[in-house]
C-alpha cells in the first residue's frame, strides 16, 4: 500500500547525496537495496525514490 511506504531521514539524505553526486536514481536505488539486504527491505520503491527528488 502506498500509505505504508516511507523514506526515512537517513534514506532521504542518501538519496540527496547520490543525486548531488550525479548518480542516476535507478543506480542509487539498486545500491541502497543491496545495502539493505534487498530492495524489499528498503521500504520504498524506485518510483518513490524518483518522486522524492
PDB file of N, CA and C in Angstrom:
ATOM      1  N   UNK A   1       0.838  -1.188   0.000  1.00  0.00           N
ATOM      2  CA  UNK A   1       0.000   0.000   0.000  1.00  0.00           C
ATOM      3  C   UNK A   1       0.883   1.252   0.000  1.00  0.00           C
ATOM      4  N   UNK A   2       0.526   2.235  -0.776  1.00  0.00           N
ATOM      5  CA  UNK A   2       1.323   3.460  -0.799  1.00  0.00           C
ATOM      6  C   UNK A   2       1.429   4.132   0.561  1.00  0.00           C
ATOM      7  N   UNK A   3       0.417   4.036   1.379  1.00  0.00           N
ATOM      8  CA  UNK A   3       0.461   4.690   2.686  1.00  0.00           C
ATOM      9  C   UNK A   3       1.444   4.017   3.631  1.00  0.00           C
ATOM     10  N   UNK A   4       1.854   2.796   3.312  1.00  0.00           N
ATOM     11  CA  UNK A   4       2.778   2.051   4.157  1.00  0.00           C
ATOM     12  C   UNK A   4       4.236   2.367   3.837  1.00  0.00           C
ATOM     13  N   UNK A   5       4.491   2.927   2.650  1.00  0.00           N
ATOM     14  CA  UNK A   5       5.863   3.193   2.235  1.00  0.00           C
ATOM     15  C   UNK A   5       6.305   4.555   2.747  1.00  0.00           C
ATOM     16  N   UNK A   6       7.545   4.612   3.178  1.00  0.00           N
ATOM     17  CA  UNK A   6       8.082   5.897   3.614  1.00  0.00           C
ATOM     18  C   UNK A   6       9.595   5.889   3.471  1.00  0.00           C
ATOM     19  N   UNK A   7      10.145   7.073   3.343  1.00  0.00           N
ATOM     20  CA  UNK A   7      11.583   7.258   3.227  1.00  0.00           C
ATOM     21  C   UNK A   7      12.054   7.908   4.519  1.00  0.00           C
ATOM     22  N   UNK A   8      12.984   7.244   5.200  1.00  0.00           N
ATOM     23  CA  UNK A   8      13.487   7.773   6.470  1.00  0.00           C
ATOM     24  C   UNK A   8      14.402   8.975   6.211  1.00  0.00           C
ATOM     25  N   UNK A   9      14.743   9.678   7.270  1.00  0.00           N
ATOM     26  CA  UNK A   9      15.630  10.840   7.137  1.00  0.00           C
ATOM     27  C   UNK A   9      16.992  10.424   6.596  1.00  0.00           C
ATOM     28  N   UNK A  10      17.499   9.298   7.064  1.00  0.00           N
ATOM     29  CA  UNK A  10      18.807   8.810   6.597  1.00  0.00           C
ATOM     30  C   UNK A  10      18.729   8.438   5.124  1.00  0.00           C
ATOM     31  N   UNK A  11      17.665   7.741   4.730  1.00  0.00           N
ATOM     32  CA  UNK A  11      17.500   7.372   3.330  1.00  0.00           C
ATOM     33  C   UNK A  11      17.356   8.619   2.462  1.00  0.00           C
ATOM     34  N   UNK A  12      16.636   9.618   2.957  1.00  0.00           N
ATOM     35  CA  UNK A  12      16.465  10.865   2.220  1.00  0.00           C
ATOM     36  C   UNK A  12      17.817  11.539   2.012  1.00  0.00           C
ATOM     37  N   UNK A  13      18.631  11.541   3.042  1.00  0.00           N
ATOM     38  CA  UNK A  13      19.970  12.132   2.937  1.00  0.00           C
ATOM     39  C   UNK A  13      20.798  11.396   1.881  1.00  0.00           C
ATOM     40  N   UNK A  14      20.743  10.066   1.892  1.00  0.00           N
ATOM     41  CA  UNK A  14      21.490   9.274   0.921  1.00  0.00           C
ATOM     42  C   UNK A  14      20.996   9.542  -0.497  1.00  0.00           C
ATOM     43  N   UNK A  15      19.686   9.676  -0.674  1.00  0.00           N
ATOM     44  CA  UNK A  15      19.122   9.975  -1.989  1.00  0.00           C
ATOM     45  C   UNK A  15      19.617  11.331  -2.467  1.00  0.00           C
ATOM     46  N   UNK A  16      19.583  12.320  -1.590  1.00  0.00           N
ATOM     47  CA  UNK A  16      20.029  13.665  -1.953  1.00  0.00           C
ATOM     48  C   UNK A  16      21.520  13.696  -2.289  1.00  0.00           C
ATOM     49  N   UNK A  17      22.323  12.973  -1.517  1.00  0.00           N
ATOM     50  CA  UNK A  17      23.767  12.947  -1.767  1.00  0.00           C
ATOM     51  C   UNK A  17      24.078  12.245  -3.094  1.00  0.00           C
ATOM     52  N   UNK A  18      23.382  11.160  -3.376  1.00  0.00           N
ATOM     53  CA  UNK A  18      23.590  10.455  -4.640  1.00  0.00           C
ATOM     54  C   UNK A  18      23.215  11.355  -5.808  1.00  0.00           C
ATOM     55  N   UNK A  19      22.117  12.075  -5.677  1.00  0.00           N
ATOM     56  CA  UNK A  19      21.685  12.990  -6.741  1.00  0.00           C
ATOM     57  C   UNK A  19      22.701  14.118  -6.931  1.00  0.00           C
ATOM     58  N   UNK A  20      23.180  14.672  -5.831  1.00  0.00           N
ATOM     59  CA  UNK A  20      24.168  15.757  -5.899  1.00  0.00           C
ATOM     60  C   UNK A  20      25.482  15.272  -6.513  1.00  0.00           C
ATOM     61  N   UNK A  21      25.763  13.971  -6.370  1.00  0.00           N
ATOM     62  CA  UNK A  21      26.996  13.401  -6.918  1.00  0.00           C
ATOM     63  C   UNK A  21      26.846  12.989  -8.374  1.00  0.00           C
ATOM     64  N   UNK A  22      25.634  13.112  -8.902  1.00  0.00           N
ATOM     65  CA  UNK A  22      25.404  12.767 -10.297  1.00  0.00           C
ATOM     66  C   UNK A  22      25.090  11.306 -10.535  1.00  0.00           C
ATOM     67  N   UNK A  23      24.784  10.572  -9.481  1.00  0.00           N
ATOM     68  CA  UNK A  23      24.443   9.148  -9.623  1.00  0.00           C
ATOM     69  C   UNK A  23      22.982   9.040 -10.036  1.00  0.00           C
ATOM     70  N   UNK A  24      22.716   8.236 -11.054  1.00  0.00           N
ATOM     71  CA  UNK A  24      21.344   8.040 -11.529  1.00  0.00           C
ATOM     72  C   UNK A  24      20.489   7.464 -10.417  1.00  0.00           C
ATOM     73  N   UNK A  25      19.222   7.869 -10.382  1.00  0.00           N
ATOM     74  CA  UNK A  25      18.339   7.419  -9.308  1.00  0.00           C
ATOM     75  C   UNK A  25      18.162   5.903  -9.313  1.00  0.00           C
ATOM     76  N   UNK A  26      18.091   5.291 -10.496  1.00  0.00           N
ATOM     77  CA  UNK A  26      17.941   3.832 -10.566  1.00  0.00           C
ATOM     78  C   UNK A  26      19.149   3.133  -9.953  1.00  0.00           C
ATOM     79  N   UNK A  27      20.332   3.624 -10.269  1.00  0.00           N
ATOM     80  CA  UNK A  27      21.571   3.035  -9.748  1.00  0.00           C
ATOM     81  C   UNK A  27      21.654   3.243  -8.233  1.00  0.00           C
ATOM     82  N   UNK A  28      21.287   4.437  -7.777  1.00  0.00           N
ATOM     83  CA  UNK A  28      21.305   4.722  -6.342  1.00  0.00           C
ATOM     84  C   UNK A  28      20.305   3.836  -5.597  1.00  0.00           C
ATOM     85  N   UNK A  29      19.141   3.595  -6.192  1.00  0.00           N
ATOM     86  CA  UNK A  29      18.130   2.732  -5.564  1.00  0.00           C
ATOM     87  C   UNK A  29      18.635   1.295  -5.488  1.00  0.00           C
ATOM     88  N   UNK A  30      19.270   0.820  -6.549  1.00  0.00           N
ATOM     89  CA  UNK A  30      19.835  -0.535  -6.546  1.00  0.00           C
ATOM     90  C   UNK A  30      20.902  -0.668  -5.463  1.00  0.00           C
ATOM     91  N   UNK A  31      21.757   0.334  -5.342  1.00  0.00           N
ATOM     92  CA  UNK A  31      22.806   0.304  -4.329  1.00  0.00           C
ATOM     93  C   UNK A  31      22.191   0.282  -2.923  1.00  0.00           C
ATOM     94  N   UNK A  32      21.200   1.131  -2.693  1.00  0.00           N
ATOM     95  CA  UNK A  32      20.533   1.170  -1.385  1.00  0.00           C
ATOM     96  C   UNK A  32      19.876  -0.167  -1.079  1.00  0.00           C
ATOM     97  N   UNK A  33      19.311  -0.790  -2.100  1.00  0.00           N
ATOM     98  CA  UNK A  33      18.699  -2.106  -1.925  1.00  0.00           C
ATOM     99  C   UNK A  33      19.720  -3.164  -1.531  1.00  0.00           C
ATOM    100  N   UNK A  34      20.872  -3.127  -2.154  1.00  0.00           N
ATOM    101  CA  UNK A  34      21.936  -4.077  -1.791  1.00  0.00           C
ATOM    102  C   UNK A  34      22.411  -3.834  -0.366  1.00  0.00           C
ATOM    103  N   UNK A  35      22.534  -2.574  -0.010  1.00  0.00           N
ATOM    104  CA  UNK A  35      22.973  -2.205   1.334  1.00  0.00           C
ATOM    105  C   UNK A  35      21.968  -2.666   2.394  1.00  0.00           C
ATOM    106  N   UNK A  36      20.679  -2.652   2.042  1.00  0.00           N
ATOM    107  CA  UNK A  36      19.619  -3.028   2.982  1.00  0.00           C
ATOM    108  C   UNK A  36      19.346  -4.530   2.977  1.00  0.00           C
ATOM    109  N   UNK A  37      20.041  -5.267   2.128  1.00  0.00           N
ATOM    110  CA  UNK A  37      19.815  -6.707   2.063  1.00  0.00           C
ATOM    111  C   UNK A  37      18.690  -7.081   1.119  1.00  0.00           C
ATOM    112  N   UNK A  38      18.383  -6.211   0.198  1.00  0.00           N
ATOM    113  CA  UNK A  38      17.337  -6.450  -0.792  1.00  0.00           C
ATOM    114  C   UNK A  38      16.403  -5.260  -0.888  1.00  0.00           C
ATOM    115  N   UNK A  39      15.917  -5.009  -2.088  1.00  0.00           N
ATOM    116  CA  UNK A  39      15.064  -3.835  -2.276  1.00  0.00           C
ATOM    117  C   UNK A  39      13.766  -3.934  -1.491  1.00  0.00           C
ATOM    118  N   UNK A  40      13.341  -5.153  -1.180  1.00  0.00           N
ATOM    119  CA  UNK A  40      12.118  -5.308  -0.385  1.00  0.00           C
ATOM    120  C   UNK A  40      12.311  -4.829   1.048  1.00  0.00           C
ATOM    121  N   UNK A  41      13.555  -4.713   1.501  1.00  0.00           N
ATOM    122  CA  UNK A  41      13.840  -4.231   2.855  1.00  0.00           C
ATOM    123  C   UNK A  41      13.975  -2.715   2.935  1.00  0.00           C
ATOM    124  N   UNK A  42      13.947  -2.036   1.790  1.00  0.00           N
ATOM    125  CA  UNK A  42      14.108  -0.583   1.787  1.00  0.00           C
ATOM    126  C   UNK A  42      12.892   0.134   2.365  1.00  0.00           C
ATOM    127  N   UNK A  43      11.722  -0.332   2.023  1.00  0.00           N
ATOM    128  CA  UNK A  43      10.513   0.332   2.478  1.00  0.00           C
ATOM    129  C   UNK A  43       9.983   1.337   1.474  1.00  0.00           C
ATOM    130  N   UNK A  44      10.652   1.469   0.325  1.00  0.00           N
ATOM    131  CA  UNK A  44      10.159   2.341  -0.741  1.00  0.00           C
ATOM    132  C   UNK A  44      10.595   1.775  -2.081  1.00  0.00           C
ATOM    133  N   UNK A  45       9.889   2.180  -3.124  1.00  0.00           N
ATOM    134  CA  UNK A  45      10.161   1.671  -4.460  1.00  0.00           C
ATOM    135  C   UNK A  45      11.061   2.631  -5.228  1.00  0.00           C
ATOM    136  N   UNK A  46      11.483   2.193  -6.394  1.00  0.00           N
ATOM    137  CA  UNK A  46      12.310   3.035  -7.259  1.00  0.00           C
ATOM    138  C   UNK A  46      11.510   4.278  -7.676  1.00  0.00           C
ATOM    139  N   UNK A  47      10.221   4.117  -7.897  1.00  0.00           N
ATOM    140  CA  UNK A  47       9.379   5.267  -8.251  1.00  0.00           C
ATOM    141  C   UNK A  47       9.307   6.253  -7.094  1.00  0.00           C
ATOM    142  N   UNK A  48       9.189   5.749  -5.853  1.00  0.00           N
ATOM    143  CA  UNK A  48       9.204   6.633  -4.678  1.00  0.00           C
ATOM    144  C   UNK A  48      10.517   7.406  -4.624  1.00  0.00           C
ATOM    145  N   UNK A  49      11.600   6.710  -4.940  1.00  0.00           N
ATOM    146  CA  UNK A  49      12.934   7.315  -4.947  1.00  0.00           C
ATOM    147  C   UNK A  49      12.962   8.482  -5.933  1.00  0.00           C
ATOM    148  N   UNK A  50      12.489   8.232  -7.159  1.00  0.00           N
ATOM    149  CA  UNK A  50      12.477   9.280  -8.180  1.00  0.00           C
ATOM    150  C   UNK A  50      11.544  10.423  -7.789  1.00  0.00           C
ATOM    151  N   UNK A  51      10.394  10.100  -7.218  1.00  0.00           N
ATOM    152  CA  UNK A  51       9.436  11.133  -6.826  1.00  0.00           C
ATOM    153  C   UNK A  51       9.968  11.988  -5.680  1.00  0.00           C
ATOM    154  N   UNK A  52      10.816  11.417  -4.845  1.00  0.00           N
ATOM    155  CA  UNK A  52      11.381  12.188  -3.734  1.00  0.00           C
ATOM    156  C   UNK A  52      12.190  13.367  -4.263  1.00  0.00           C
ATOM    157  N   UNK A  53      12.902  13.116  -5.377  1.00  0.00           N
ATOM    158  CA  UNK A  53      13.738  14.174  -5.957  1.00  0.00           C
ATOM    159  C   UNK A  53      12.865  15.212  -6.611  1.00  0.00           C
TER     160      UNK A  53
END
